[in-house]
């Protein structure tokens, strides 16, 4: 798995490329902790993180587990975590796992970036 990062004024986009499996989830977690200081909380200067799944090949339970854990962390920190361009197969997995309503999902990056939801 590879990760491309786009830093905007009030957001960061992580483009996930390849297989988001156990190794990919560990790699992403390390990047978030070590480079972006996202651990138990989310830094104040990072109000919106967007995961772009345009180039994802597959996702495992480890990848879904990491996303769910991150969503809890973002909720607790009153920050916005968004998913964009998720493939139909991932949508189906989220529906079966009863997680589709847990995430803020957008059709594309532009819609996600445009969400200027105020912090709670």
PDB file of N, CA and C in Angstrom:
ATOM      1  N   UNK A   1       0.833  -1.175   0.000  1.00  0.00           N
ATOM      2  CA  UNK A   1       0.000   0.000   0.000  1.00  0.00           C
ATOM      3  C   UNK A   1       0.880   1.241   0.000  1.00  0.00           C
ATOM      4  N   UNK A   2       0.431   2.245  -0.706  1.00  0.00           N
ATOM      5  CA  UNK A   2       1.091   3.546  -0.728  1.00  0.00           C
ATOM      6  C   UNK A   2       0.114   4.599  -0.225  1.00  0.00           C
ATOM      7  N   UNK A   3       0.677   5.709   0.254  1.00  0.00           N
ATOM      8  CA  UNK A   3      -0.144   6.828   0.692  1.00  0.00           C
ATOM      9  C   UNK A   3       0.425   8.100   0.081  1.00  0.00           C
ATOM     10  N   UNK A   4      -0.403   8.812  -0.666  1.00  0.00           N
ATOM     11  CA  UNK A   4      -0.054  10.160  -1.122  1.00  0.00           C
ATOM     12  C   UNK A   4      -0.795  11.132  -0.218  1.00  0.00           C
ATOM     13  N   UNK A   5      -0.157  12.238   0.093  1.00  0.00           N
ATOM     14  CA  UNK A   5      -0.753  13.214   0.990  1.00  0.00           C
ATOM     15  C   UNK A   5      -0.876  14.560   0.300  1.00  0.00           C
ATOM     16  N   UNK A   6      -2.038  15.182   0.464  1.00  0.00           N
ATOM     17  CA  UNK A   6      -2.283  16.535  -0.037  1.00  0.00           C
ATOM     18  C   UNK A   6      -2.644  17.389   1.163  1.00  0.00           C
ATOM     19  N   UNK A   7      -1.830  18.411   1.438  1.00  0.00           N
ATOM     20  CA  UNK A   7      -2.082  19.302   2.566  1.00  0.00           C
ATOM     21  C   UNK A   7      -2.757  20.561   2.067  1.00  0.00           C
ATOM     22  N   UNK A   8      -3.960  20.817   2.573  1.00  0.00           N
ATOM     23  CA  UNK A   8      -4.685  22.033   2.250  1.00  0.00           C
ATOM     24  C   UNK A   8      -4.652  22.982   3.432  1.00  0.00           C
ATOM     25  N   UNK A   9      -5.345  24.083   3.287  1.00  0.00           N
ATOM     26  CA  UNK A   9      -5.354  25.092   4.348  1.00  0.00           C
ATOM     27  C   UNK A   9      -5.986  24.563   5.639  1.00  0.00           C
ATOM     28  N   UNK A  10      -7.128  23.895   5.518  1.00  0.00           N
ATOM     29  CA  UNK A  10      -7.831  23.385   6.694  1.00  0.00           C
ATOM     30  C   UNK A  10      -8.104  21.889   6.615  1.00  0.00           C
ATOM     31  N   UNK A  11      -7.339  21.180   5.812  1.00  0.00           N
ATOM     32  CA  UNK A  11      -7.587  19.754   5.646  1.00  0.00           C
ATOM     33  C   UNK A  11      -6.314  19.044   5.187  1.00  0.00           C
ATOM     34  N   UNK A  12      -6.323  17.726   5.346  1.00  0.00           N
ATOM     35  CA  UNK A  12      -5.291  16.857   4.793  1.00  0.00           C
ATOM     36  C   UNK A  12      -6.013  15.710   4.106  1.00  0.00           C
ATOM     37  N   UNK A  13      -5.598  15.416   2.869  1.00  0.00           N
ATOM     38  CA  UNK A  13      -6.152  14.285   2.125  1.00  0.00           C
ATOM     39  C   UNK A  13      -5.093  13.189   2.094  1.00  0.00           C
ATOM     40  N   UNK A  14      -5.499  11.988   2.488  1.00  0.00           N
ATOM     41  CA  UNK A  14      -4.635  10.817   2.381  1.00  0.00           C
ATOM     42  C   UNK A  14      -5.205   9.951   1.267  1.00  0.00           C
ATOM     43  N   UNK A  15      -4.464   9.842   0.176  1.00  0.00           N
ATOM     44  CA  UNK A  15      -4.879   9.001  -0.945  1.00  0.00           C
ATOM     45  C   UNK A  15      -4.313   7.603  -0.694  1.00  0.00           C
ATOM     46  N   UNK A  16      -5.207   6.644  -0.502  1.00  0.00           N
ATOM     47  CA  UNK A  16      -4.820   5.266  -0.224  1.00  0.00           C
ATOM     48  C   UNK A  16      -4.725   4.526  -1.555  1.00  0.00           C
ATOM     49  N   UNK A  17      -3.558   3.933  -1.821  1.00  0.00           N
ATOM     50  CA  UNK A  17      -3.313   3.265  -3.101  1.00  0.00           C
ATOM     51  C   UNK A  17      -2.934   1.809  -2.839  1.00  0.00           C
ATOM     52  N   UNK A  18      -3.677   0.892  -3.445  1.00  0.00           N
ATOM     53  CA  UNK A  18      -3.346  -0.525  -3.305  1.00  0.00           C
ATOM     54  C   UNK A  18      -4.238  -1.234  -2.311  1.00  0.00           C
ATOM     55  N   UNK A  19      -3.665  -2.207  -1.611  1.00  0.00           N
ATOM     56  CA  UNK A  19      -4.401  -3.042  -0.663  1.00  0.00           C
ATOM     57  C   UNK A  19      -4.299  -2.467   0.744  1.00  0.00           C
ATOM     58  N   UNK A  20      -5.443  -2.150   1.307  1.00  0.00           N
ATOM     59  CA  UNK A  20      -5.505  -1.616   2.664  1.00  0.00           C
ATOM     60  C   UNK A  20      -5.734  -2.802   3.602  1.00  0.00           C
ATOM     61  N   UNK A  21      -4.663  -3.575   3.790  1.00  0.00           N
ATOM     62  CA  UNK A  21      -4.722  -4.778   4.608  1.00  0.00           C
ATOM     63  C   UNK A  21      -4.075  -4.525   5.964  1.00  0.00           C
ATOM     64  N   UNK A  22      -3.721  -5.584   6.684  1.00  0.00           N
ATOM     65  CA  UNK A  22      -3.129  -5.437   8.016  1.00  0.00           C
ATOM     66  C   UNK A  22      -1.840  -4.617   7.973  1.00  0.00           C
ATOM     67  N   UNK A  23      -0.980  -4.910   7.008  1.00  0.00           N
ATOM     68  CA  UNK A  23       0.280  -4.173   6.892  1.00  0.00           C
ATOM     69  C   UNK A  23       0.026  -2.718   6.522  1.00  0.00           C
ATOM     70  N   UNK A  24      -0.914  -2.493   5.626  1.00  0.00           N
ATOM     71  CA  UNK A  24      -1.264  -1.134   5.229  1.00  0.00           C
ATOM     72  C   UNK A  24      -1.859  -0.348   6.390  1.00  0.00           C
ATOM     73  N   UNK A  25      -2.697  -1.000   7.195  1.00  0.00           N
ATOM     74  CA  UNK A  25      -3.298  -0.330   8.353  1.00  0.00           C
ATOM     75  C   UNK A  25      -2.218   0.055   9.361  1.00  0.00           C
ATOM     76  N   UNK A  26      -1.259  -0.842   9.597  1.00  0.00           N
ATOM     77  CA  UNK A  26      -0.162  -0.526  10.524  1.00  0.00           C
ATOM     78  C   UNK A  26       0.684   0.625   9.979  1.00  0.00           C
ATOM     79  N   UNK A  27       0.949   0.601   8.672  1.00  0.00           N
ATOM     80  CA  UNK A  27       1.729   1.665   8.043  1.00  0.00           C
ATOM     81  C   UNK A  27       1.007   3.011   8.173  1.00  0.00           C
ATOM     82  N   UNK A  28      -0.291   3.034   7.865  1.00  0.00           N
ATOM     83  CA  UNK A  28      -1.060   4.270   7.964  1.00  0.00           C
ATOM     84  C   UNK A  28      -1.106   4.769   9.404  1.00  0.00           C
ATOM     85  N   UNK A  29      -1.322   3.869  10.354  1.00  0.00           N
ATOM     86  CA  UNK A  29      -1.350   4.265  11.771  1.00  0.00           C
ATOM     87  C   UNK A  29      -0.018   4.917  12.158  1.00  0.00           C
ATOM     88  N   UNK A  30       1.090   4.328  11.731  1.00  0.00           N
ATOM     89  CA  UNK A  30       2.411   4.899  12.038  1.00  0.00           C
ATOM     90  C   UNK A  30       2.592   6.277  11.422  1.00  0.00           C
ATOM     91  N   UNK A  31       2.136   6.454  10.194  1.00  0.00           N
ATOM     92  CA  UNK A  31       2.222   7.767   9.538  1.00  0.00           C
ATOM     93  C   UNK A  31       1.400   8.788  10.315  1.00  0.00           C
ATOM     94  N   UNK A  32       0.182   8.418  10.687  1.00  0.00           N
ATOM     95  CA  UNK A  32      -0.685   9.342  11.406  1.00  0.00           C
ATOM     96  C   UNK A  32      -0.096   9.724  12.763  1.00  0.00           C
ATOM     97  N   UNK A  33       0.452   8.763  13.467  1.00  0.00           N
ATOM     98  CA  UNK A  33       1.020   9.038  14.790  1.00  0.00           C
ATOM     99  C   UNK A  33       2.320   9.822  14.682  1.00  0.00           C
ATOM    100  N   UNK A  34       3.236   9.358  13.857  1.00  0.00           N
ATOM    101  CA  UNK A  34       4.586   9.938  13.811  1.00  0.00           C
ATOM    102  C   UNK A  34       4.692  11.235  13.021  1.00  0.00           C
ATOM    103  N   UNK A  35       3.937  11.357  11.951  1.00  0.00           N
ATOM    104  CA  UNK A  35       4.058  12.549  11.114  1.00  0.00           C
ATOM    105  C   UNK A  35       2.970  13.587  11.375  1.00  0.00           C
ATOM    106  N   UNK A  36       1.798  13.141  11.826  1.00  0.00           N
ATOM    107  CA  UNK A  36       0.675  14.068  12.005  1.00  0.00           C
ATOM    108  C   UNK A  36       0.205  14.162  13.460  1.00  0.00           C
ATOM    109  N   UNK A  37       0.849  13.415  14.343  1.00  0.00           N
ATOM    110  CA  UNK A  37       0.565  13.460  15.782  1.00  0.00           C
ATOM    111  C   UNK A  37      -0.886  13.128  16.122  1.00  0.00           C
ATOM    112  N   UNK A  38      -1.482  12.267  15.293  1.00  0.00           N
ATOM    113  CA  UNK A  38      -2.839  11.796  15.563  1.00  0.00           C
ATOM    114  C   UNK A  38      -2.705  10.481  16.320  1.00  0.00           C
ATOM    115  N   UNK A  39      -3.043  10.511  17.590  1.00  0.00           N
ATOM    116  CA  UNK A  39      -2.980   9.323  18.435  1.00  0.00           C
ATOM    117  C   UNK A  39      -4.283   9.176  19.169  1.00  0.00           C
ATOM    118  N   UNK A  40      -4.257   9.459  20.462  1.00  0.00           N
ATOM    119  CA  UNK A  40      -5.481   9.423  21.271  1.00  0.00           C
ATOM    120  C   UNK A  40      -6.354  10.649  21.002  1.00  0.00           C
ATOM    121  N   UNK A  41      -5.748  11.704  20.506  1.00  0.00           N
ATOM    122  CA  UNK A  41      -6.474  12.931  20.151  1.00  0.00           C
ATOM    123  C   UNK A  41      -5.984  13.408  18.785  1.00  0.00           C
ATOM    124  N   UNK A  42      -6.662  14.412  18.263  1.00  0.00           N
ATOM    125  CA  UNK A  42      -6.307  15.006  16.972  1.00  0.00           C
ATOM    126  C   UNK A  42      -5.815  16.425  17.239  1.00  0.00           C
ATOM    127  N   UNK A  43      -4.658  16.805  16.679  1.00  0.00           N
ATOM    128  CA  UNK A  43      -4.138  18.163  16.915  1.00  0.00           C
ATOM    129  C   UNK A  43      -5.132  19.239  16.464  1.00  0.00           C
ATOM    130  N   UNK A  44      -5.121  20.342  17.172  1.00  0.00           N
ATOM    131  CA  UNK A  44      -6.044  21.451  16.880  1.00  0.00           C
ATOM    132  C   UNK A  44      -5.894  21.971  15.465  1.00  0.00           C
ATOM    133  N   UNK A  45      -4.670  21.948  14.933  1.00  0.00           N
ATOM    134  CA  UNK A  45      -4.438  22.497  13.598  1.00  0.00           C
ATOM    135  C   UNK A  45      -4.854  21.534  12.477  1.00  0.00           C
ATOM    136  N   UNK A  46      -5.491  20.431  12.828  1.00  0.00           N
ATOM    137  CA  UNK A  46      -5.935  19.463  11.835  1.00  0.00           C
ATOM    138  C   UNK A  46      -7.436  19.239  11.961  1.00  0.00           C
ATOM    139  N   UNK A  47      -8.253  20.209  11.504  1.00  0.00           N
ATOM    140  CA  UNK A  47      -9.694  20.097  11.706  1.00  0.00           C
ATOM    141  C   UNK A  47     -10.395  19.081  10.808  1.00  0.00           C
ATOM    142  N   UNK A  48      -9.767  18.700   9.670  1.00  0.00           N
ATOM    143  CA  UNK A  48     -10.469  17.834   8.715  1.00  0.00           C
ATOM    144  C   UNK A  48      -9.467  16.923   8.018  1.00  0.00           C
ATOM    145  N   UNK A  49      -9.681  15.620   8.148  1.00  0.00           N
ATOM    146  CA  UNK A  49      -8.876  14.627   7.439  1.00  0.00           C
ATOM    147  C   UNK A  49      -9.801  13.876   6.493  1.00  0.00           C
ATOM    148  N   UNK A  50      -9.331  13.714   5.264  1.00  0.00           N
ATOM    149  CA  UNK A  50     -10.113  13.054   4.215  1.00  0.00           C
ATOM    150  C   UNK A  50      -9.320  11.854   3.708  1.00  0.00           C
ATOM    151  N   UNK A  51      -9.941  10.703   3.661  1.00  0.00           N
ATOM    152  CA  UNK A  51      -9.327   9.527   3.059  1.00  0.00           C
ATOM    153  C   UNK A  51      -9.925   9.332   1.681  1.00  0.00           C
ATOM    154  N   UNK A  52      -9.065   9.359   0.668  1.00  0.00           N
ATOM    155  CA  UNK A  52      -9.471   9.200  -0.729  1.00  0.00           C
ATOM    156  C   UNK A  52      -9.207   7.757  -1.140  1.00  0.00           C
ATOM    157  N   UNK A  53     -10.267   7.035  -1.460  1.00  0.00           N
ATOM    158  CA  UNK A  53     -10.153   5.626  -1.814  1.00  0.00           C
ATOM    159  C   UNK A  53     -10.276   5.376  -3.313  1.00  0.00           C
ATOM    160  N   UNK A  54      -9.996   6.389  -4.122  1.00  0.00           N
ATOM    161  CA  UNK A  54     -10.096   6.258  -5.578  1.00  0.00           C
ATOM    162  C   UNK A  54      -9.254   5.099  -6.111  1.00  0.00           C
ATOM    163  N   UNK A  55      -8.065   4.901  -5.534  1.00  0.00           N
ATOM    164  CA  UNK A  55      -7.123   3.912  -6.068  1.00  0.00           C
ATOM    165  C   UNK A  55      -6.939   2.701  -5.154  1.00  0.00           C
ATOM    166  N   UNK A  56      -7.921   2.431  -4.312  1.00  0.00           N
ATOM    167  CA  UNK A  56      -7.816   1.275  -3.427  1.00  0.00           C
ATOM    168  C   UNK A  56      -8.176   0.011  -4.195  1.00  0.00           C
ATOM    169  N   UNK A  57      -7.414  -1.056  -3.952  1.00  0.00           N
ATOM    170  CA  UNK A  57      -7.707  -2.340  -4.590  1.00  0.00           C
ATOM    171  C   UNK A  57      -8.594  -3.204  -3.702  1.00  0.00           C
ATOM    172  N   UNK A  58      -8.269  -3.240  -2.417  1.00  0.00           N
ATOM    173  CA  UNK A  58      -9.056  -4.030  -1.471  1.00  0.00           C
ATOM    174  C   UNK A  58      -8.845  -3.483  -0.065  1.00  0.00           C
ATOM    175  N   UNK A  59      -9.732  -3.885   0.840  1.00  0.00           N
ATOM    176  CA  UNK A  59      -9.605  -3.491   2.242  1.00  0.00           C
ATOM    177  C   UNK A  59      -9.909  -4.707   3.100  1.00  0.00           C
ATOM    178  N   UNK A  60      -9.131  -4.876   4.159  1.00  0.00           N
ATOM    179  CA  UNK A  60      -9.338  -5.996   5.075  1.00  0.00           C
ATOM    180  C   UNK A  60     -10.018  -5.498   6.345  1.00  0.00           C
ATOM    181  N   UNK A  61     -10.313  -6.427   7.234  1.00  0.00           N
ATOM    182  CA  UNK A  61     -10.919  -6.052   8.509  1.00  0.00           C
ATOM    183  C   UNK A  61      -9.987  -5.149   9.310  1.00  0.00           C
ATOM    184  N   UNK A  62      -8.685  -5.278   9.125  1.00  0.00           N
ATOM    185  CA  UNK A  62      -7.735  -4.398   9.820  1.00  0.00           C
ATOM    186  C   UNK A  62      -7.881  -2.959   9.339  1.00  0.00           C
ATOM    187  N   UNK A  63      -8.066  -2.777   8.049  1.00  0.00           N
ATOM    188  CA  UNK A  63      -8.272  -1.434   7.499  1.00  0.00           C
ATOM    189  C   UNK A  63      -9.568  -0.829   7.996  1.00  0.00           C
ATOM    190  N   UNK A  64     -10.626  -1.619   8.017  1.00  0.00           N
ATOM    191  CA  UNK A  64     -11.917  -1.131   8.511  1.00  0.00           C
ATOM    192  C   UNK A  64     -11.828  -0.825   9.999  1.00  0.00           C
ATOM    193  N   UNK A  65     -11.143  -1.683  10.736  1.00  0.00           N
ATOM    194  CA  UNK A  65     -10.963  -1.456  12.165  1.00  0.00           C
ATOM    195  C   UNK A  65     -10.219  -0.166  12.446  1.00  0.00           C
ATOM    196  N   UNK A  66      -9.186   0.125  11.657  1.00  0.00           N
ATOM    197  CA  UNK A  66      -8.438   1.367  11.831  1.00  0.00           C
ATOM    198  C   UNK A  66      -9.338   2.564  11.539  1.00  0.00           C
ATOM    199  N   UNK A  67     -10.115   2.500  10.474  1.00  0.00           N
ATOM    200  CA  UNK A  67     -11.018   3.606  10.150  1.00  0.00           C
ATOM    201  C   UNK A  67     -12.027   3.846  11.275  1.00  0.00           C
ATOM    202  N   UNK A  68     -12.578   2.774  11.829  1.00  0.00           N
ATOM    203  CA  UNK A  68     -13.551   2.917  12.923  1.00  0.00           C
ATOM    204  C   UNK A  68     -12.881   3.526  14.151  1.00  0.00           C
ATOM    205  N   UNK A  69     -11.681   3.090  14.452  1.00  0.00           N
ATOM    206  CA  UNK A  69     -10.938   3.638  15.589  1.00  0.00           C
ATOM    207  C   UNK A  69     -10.636   5.116  15.377  1.00  0.00           C
ATOM    208  N   UNK A  70     -10.212   5.466  14.172  1.00  0.00           N
ATOM    209  CA  UNK A  70      -9.935   6.868  13.858  1.00  0.00           C
ATOM    210  C   UNK A  70     -11.200   7.711  13.965  1.00  0.00           C
ATOM    211  N   UNK A  71     -12.335   7.161  13.527  1.00  0.00           N
ATOM    212  CA  UNK A  71     -13.589   7.915  13.609  1.00  0.00           C
ATOM    213  C   UNK A  71     -13.916   8.237  15.059  1.00  0.00           C
ATOM    214  N   UNK A  72     -13.732   7.276  15.959  1.00  0.00           N
ATOM    215  CA  UNK A  72     -13.970   7.522  17.386  1.00  0.00           C
ATOM    216  C   UNK A  72     -13.040   8.624  17.905  1.00  0.00           C
ATOM    217  N   UNK A  73     -11.770   8.566  17.512  1.00  0.00           N
ATOM    218  CA  UNK A  73     -10.793   9.569  17.948  1.00  0.00           C
ATOM    219  C   UNK A  73     -11.175  10.951  17.436  1.00  0.00           C
ATOM    220  N   UNK A  74     -11.580  11.041  16.178  1.00  0.00           N
ATOM    221  CA  UNK A  74     -11.975  12.329  15.606  1.00  0.00           C
ATOM    222  C   UNK A  74     -13.238  12.855  16.278  1.00  0.00           C
ATOM    223  N   UNK A  75     -14.201  11.981  16.532  1.00  0.00           N
ATOM    224  CA  UNK A  75     -15.418  12.408  17.222  1.00  0.00           C
ATOM    225  C   UNK A  75     -15.088  12.962  18.602  1.00  0.00           C
ATOM    226  N   UNK A  76     -14.241  12.252  19.325  1.00  0.00           N
ATOM    227  CA  UNK A  76     -13.853  12.660  20.675  1.00  0.00           C
ATOM    228  C   UNK A  76     -13.135  14.010  20.660  1.00  0.00           C
ATOM    229  N   UNK A  77     -12.390  14.284  19.583  1.00  0.00           N
ATOM    230  CA  UNK A  77     -11.638  15.541  19.462  1.00  0.00           C
ATOM    231  C   UNK A  77     -12.438  16.634  18.756  1.00  0.00           C
ATOM    232  N   UNK A  78     -13.707  16.370  18.420  1.00  0.00           N
ATOM    233  CA  UNK A  78     -14.554  17.315  17.682  1.00  0.00           C
ATOM    234  C   UNK A  78     -13.929  17.753  16.368  1.00  0.00           C
ATOM    235  N   UNK A  79     -13.376  16.790  15.641  1.00  0.00           N
ATOM    236  CA  UNK A  79     -12.777  17.030  14.327  1.00  0.00           C
ATOM    237  C   UNK A  79     -13.522  16.197  13.292  1.00  0.00           C
ATOM    238  N   UNK A  80     -13.337  16.529  12.027  1.00  0.00           N
ATOM    239  CA  UNK A  80     -14.067  15.867  10.944  1.00  0.00           C
ATOM    240  C   UNK A  80     -13.172  14.875  10.203  1.00  0.00           C
ATOM    241  N   UNK A  81     -13.637  13.650  10.124  1.00  0.00           N
ATOM    242  CA  UNK A  81     -12.991  12.604   9.330  1.00  0.00           C
ATOM    243  C   UNK A  81     -13.954  12.247   8.209  1.00  0.00           C
ATOM    244  N   UNK A  82     -13.482  12.285   6.969  1.00  0.00           N
ATOM    245  CA  UNK A  82     -14.340  12.001   5.819  1.00  0.00           C
ATOM    246  C   UNK A  82     -13.728  10.909   4.955  1.00  0.00           C
ATOM    247  N   UNK A  83     -14.598  10.162   4.286  1.00  0.00           N
ATOM    248  CA  UNK A  83     -14.185   9.179   3.293  1.00  0.00           C
ATOM    249  C   UNK A  83     -14.706   9.655   1.949  1.00  0.00           C
ATOM    250  N   UNK A  84     -13.870   9.548   0.927  1.00  0.00           N
ATOM    251  CA  UNK A  84     -14.281   9.989  -0.410  1.00  0.00           C
ATOM    252  C   UNK A  84     -13.961   8.913  -1.442  1.00  0.00           C
ATOM    253  N   UNK A  85     -14.824   8.851  -2.447  1.00  0.00           N
ATOM    254  CA  UNK A  85     -14.638   7.944  -3.576  1.00  0.00           C
ATOM    255  C   UNK A  85     -14.486   6.492  -3.130  1.00  0.00           C
ATOM    256  N   UNK A  86     -15.342   6.065  -2.189  1.00  0.00           N
ATOM    257  CA  UNK A  86     -15.223   4.676  -1.759  1.00  0.00           C
ATOM    258  C   UNK A  86     -15.887   3.774  -2.795  1.00  0.00           C
ATOM    259  N   UNK A  87     -15.219   2.700  -3.150  1.00  0.00           N
ATOM    260  CA  UNK A  87     -15.777   1.800  -4.162  1.00  0.00           C
ATOM    261  C   UNK A  87     -16.998   1.061  -3.626  1.00  0.00           C
ATOM    262  N   UNK A  88     -17.795   0.578  -4.544  1.00  0.00           N
ATOM    263  CA  UNK A  88     -19.030  -0.129  -4.195  1.00  0.00           C
ATOM    264  C   UNK A  88     -18.756  -1.289  -3.234  1.00  0.00           C
ATOM    265  N   UNK A  89     -17.672  -2.020  -3.455  1.00  0.00           N
ATOM    266  CA  UNK A  89     -17.362  -3.166  -2.599  1.00  0.00           C
ATOM    267  C   UNK A  89     -17.141  -2.734  -1.150  1.00  0.00           C
ATOM    268  N   UNK A  90     -16.471  -1.600  -0.933  1.00  0.00           N
ATOM    269  CA  UNK A  90     -16.255  -1.094   0.419  1.00  0.00           C
ATOM    270  C   UNK A  90     -17.569  -0.598   1.012  1.00  0.00           C
ATOM    271  N   UNK A  91     -18.399   0.031   0.195  1.00  0.00           N
ATOM    272  CA  UNK A  91     -19.716   0.461   0.681  1.00  0.00           C
ATOM    273  C   UNK A  91     -20.513  -0.736   1.180  1.00  0.00           C
ATOM    274  N   UNK A  92     -20.453  -1.828   0.435  1.00  0.00           N
ATOM    275  CA  UNK A  92     -21.187  -3.036   0.823  1.00  0.00           C
ATOM    276  C   UNK A  92     -20.660  -3.595   2.141  1.00  0.00           C
ATOM    277  N   UNK A  93     -19.352  -3.609   2.310  1.00  0.00           N
ATOM    278  CA  UNK A  93     -18.754  -4.103   3.559  1.00  0.00           C
ATOM    279  C   UNK A  93     -19.206  -3.239   4.728  1.00  0.00           C
ATOM    280  N   UNK A  94     -19.185  -1.930   4.545  1.00  0.00           N
ATOM    281  CA  UNK A  94     -19.608  -1.019   5.614  1.00  0.00           C
ATOM    282  C   UNK A  94     -21.082  -1.206   5.951  1.00  0.00           C
ATOM    283  N   UNK A  95     -21.903  -1.469   4.936  1.00  0.00           N
ATOM    284  CA  UNK A  95     -23.331  -1.712   5.180  1.00  0.00           C
ATOM    285  C   UNK A  95     -23.533  -2.998   5.981  1.00  0.00           C
ATOM    286  N   UNK A  96     -22.862  -4.071   5.569  1.00  0.00           N
ATOM    287  CA  UNK A  96     -22.999  -5.358   6.253  1.00  0.00           C
ATOM    288  C   UNK A  96     -22.510  -5.254   7.694  1.00  0.00           C
ATOM    289  N   UNK A  97     -21.442  -4.492   7.910  1.00  0.00           N
ATOM    290  CA  UNK A  97     -20.882  -4.321   9.260  1.00  0.00           C
ATOM    291  C   UNK A  97     -21.646  -3.275  10.062  1.00  0.00           C
ATOM    292  N   UNK A  98     -22.697  -2.726   9.467  1.00  0.00           N
ATOM    293  CA  UNK A  98     -23.515  -1.687  10.104  1.00  0.00           C
ATOM    294  C   UNK A  98     -22.679  -0.455  10.476  1.00  0.00           C
ATOM    295  N   UNK A  99     -21.732  -0.100   9.598  1.00  0.00           N
ATOM    296  CA  UNK A  99     -20.852   1.047   9.829  1.00  0.00           C
ATOM    297  C   UNK A  99     -21.054   2.178   8.817  1.00  0.00           C
ATOM    298  N   UNK A 100     -21.919   1.984   7.842  1.00  0.00           N
ATOM    299  CA  UNK A 100     -22.068   2.984   6.781  1.00  0.00           C
ATOM    300  C   UNK A 100     -22.490   4.342   7.348  1.00  0.00           C
ATOM    301  N   UNK A 101     -23.317   4.360   8.376  1.00  0.00           N
ATOM    302  CA  UNK A 101     -23.775   5.612   8.961  1.00  0.00           C
ATOM    303  C   UNK A 101     -22.791   6.243   9.934  1.00  0.00           C
ATOM    304  N   UNK A 102     -21.724   5.521  10.245  1.00  0.00           N
ATOM    305  CA  UNK A 102     -20.726   6.017  11.191  1.00  0.00           C
ATOM    306  C   UNK A 102     -19.824   7.059  10.538  1.00  0.00           C
ATOM    307  N   UNK A 103     -19.620   6.921   9.244  1.00  0.00           N
ATOM    308  CA  UNK A 103     -18.676   7.773   8.524  1.00  0.00           C
ATOM    309  C   UNK A 103     -19.374   8.849   7.710  1.00  0.00           C
ATOM    310  N   UNK A 104     -18.682   9.963   7.521  1.00  0.00           N
ATOM    311  CA  UNK A 104     -19.121  11.002   6.601  1.00  0.00           C
ATOM    312  C   UNK A 104     -18.511  10.649   5.256  1.00  0.00           C
ATOM    313  N   UNK A 105     -19.359  10.371   4.270  1.00  0.00           N
ATOM    314  CA  UNK A 105     -18.899   9.865   2.975  1.00  0.00           C
ATOM    315  C   UNK A 105     -19.281  10.839   1.872  1.00  0.00           C
ATOM    316  N   UNK A 106     -18.321  11.086   0.975  1.00  0.00           N
ATOM    317  CA  UNK A 106     -18.530  11.996  -0.146  1.00  0.00           C
ATOM    318  C   UNK A 106     -18.241  11.282  -1.461  1.00  0.00           C
ATOM    319  N   UNK A 107     -18.874  11.758  -2.527  1.00  0.00           N
ATOM    320  CA  UNK A 107     -18.658  11.190  -3.858  1.00  0.00           C
ATOM    321  C   UNK A 107     -17.257  11.487  -4.374  1.00  0.00           C
ATOM    322  N   UNK A 108     -16.711  12.660  -3.985  1.00  0.00           N
ATOM    323  CA  UNK A 108     -15.383  13.046  -4.472  1.00  0.00           C
ATOM    324  C   UNK A 108     -14.677  13.950  -3.463  1.00  0.00           C
ATOM    325  N   UNK A 109     -13.425  14.217  -3.729  1.00  0.00           N
ATOM    326  CA  UNK A 109     -12.602  15.036  -2.833  1.00  0.00           C
ATOM    327  C   UNK A 109     -13.123  16.470  -2.766  1.00  0.00           C
ATOM    328  N   UNK A 110     -13.558  17.003  -3.886  1.00  0.00           N
ATOM    329  CA  UNK A 110     -14.033  18.382  -3.920  1.00  0.00           C
ATOM    330  C   UNK A 110     -15.200  18.603  -2.957  1.00  0.00           C
ATOM    331  N   UNK A 111     -16.140  17.657  -2.919  1.00  0.00           N
ATOM    332  CA  UNK A 111     -17.269  17.767  -1.986  1.00  0.00           C
ATOM    333  C   UNK A 111     -16.786  17.700  -0.539  1.00  0.00           C
ATOM    334  N   UNK A 112     -15.843  16.814  -0.278  1.00  0.00           N
ATOM    335  CA  UNK A 112     -15.326  16.673   1.087  1.00  0.00           C
ATOM    336  C   UNK A 112     -14.602  17.936   1.531  1.00  0.00           C
ATOM    337  N   UNK A 113     -13.775  18.491   0.659  1.00  0.00           N
ATOM    338  CA  UNK A 113     -13.025  19.711   0.986  1.00  0.00           C
ATOM    339  C   UNK A 113     -13.980  20.875   1.223  1.00  0.00           C
ATOM    340  N   UNK A 114     -15.082  20.915   0.490  1.00  0.00           N
ATOM    341  CA  UNK A 114     -16.037  22.016   0.608  1.00  0.00           C
ATOM    342  C   UNK A 114     -16.800  21.989   1.932  1.00  0.00           C
ATOM    343  N   UNK A 115     -16.780  20.850   2.636  1.00  0.00           N
ATOM    344  CA  UNK A 115     -17.494  20.758   3.905  1.00  0.00           C
ATOM    345  C   UNK A 115     -16.747  21.582   4.953  1.00  0.00           C
ATOM    346  N   UNK A 116     -17.272  22.709   5.288  1.00  0.00           N
ATOM    347  CA  UNK A 116     -16.665  23.616   6.266  1.00  0.00           C
ATOM    348  C   UNK A 116     -17.415  23.551   7.582  1.00  0.00           C
ATOM    349  N   UNK A 117     -17.865  22.365   7.924  1.00  0.00           N
ATOM    350  CA  UNK A 117     -18.633  22.156   9.142  1.00  0.00           C
ATOM    351  C   UNK A 117     -17.893  22.756  10.332  1.00  0.00           C
ATOM    352  N   UNK A 118     -18.571  23.573  11.093  1.00  0.00           N
ATOM    353  CA  UNK A 118     -17.889  24.151  12.269  1.00  0.00           C
ATOM    354  C   UNK A 118     -17.646  23.086  13.324  1.00  0.00           C
ATOM    355  N   UNK A 119     -16.593  23.293  14.089  1.00  0.00           N
ATOM    356  CA  UNK A 119     -16.286  22.367  15.183  1.00  0.00           C
ATOM    357  C   UNK A 119     -17.355  22.511  16.256  1.00  0.00           C
ATOM    358  N   UNK A 120     -17.645  21.395  16.913  1.00  0.00           N
ATOM    359  CA  UNK A 120     -18.662  21.381  17.972  1.00  0.00           C
ATOM    360  C   UNK A 120     -18.122  22.034  19.220  1.00  0.00           C
TER     361      UNK A 120
END
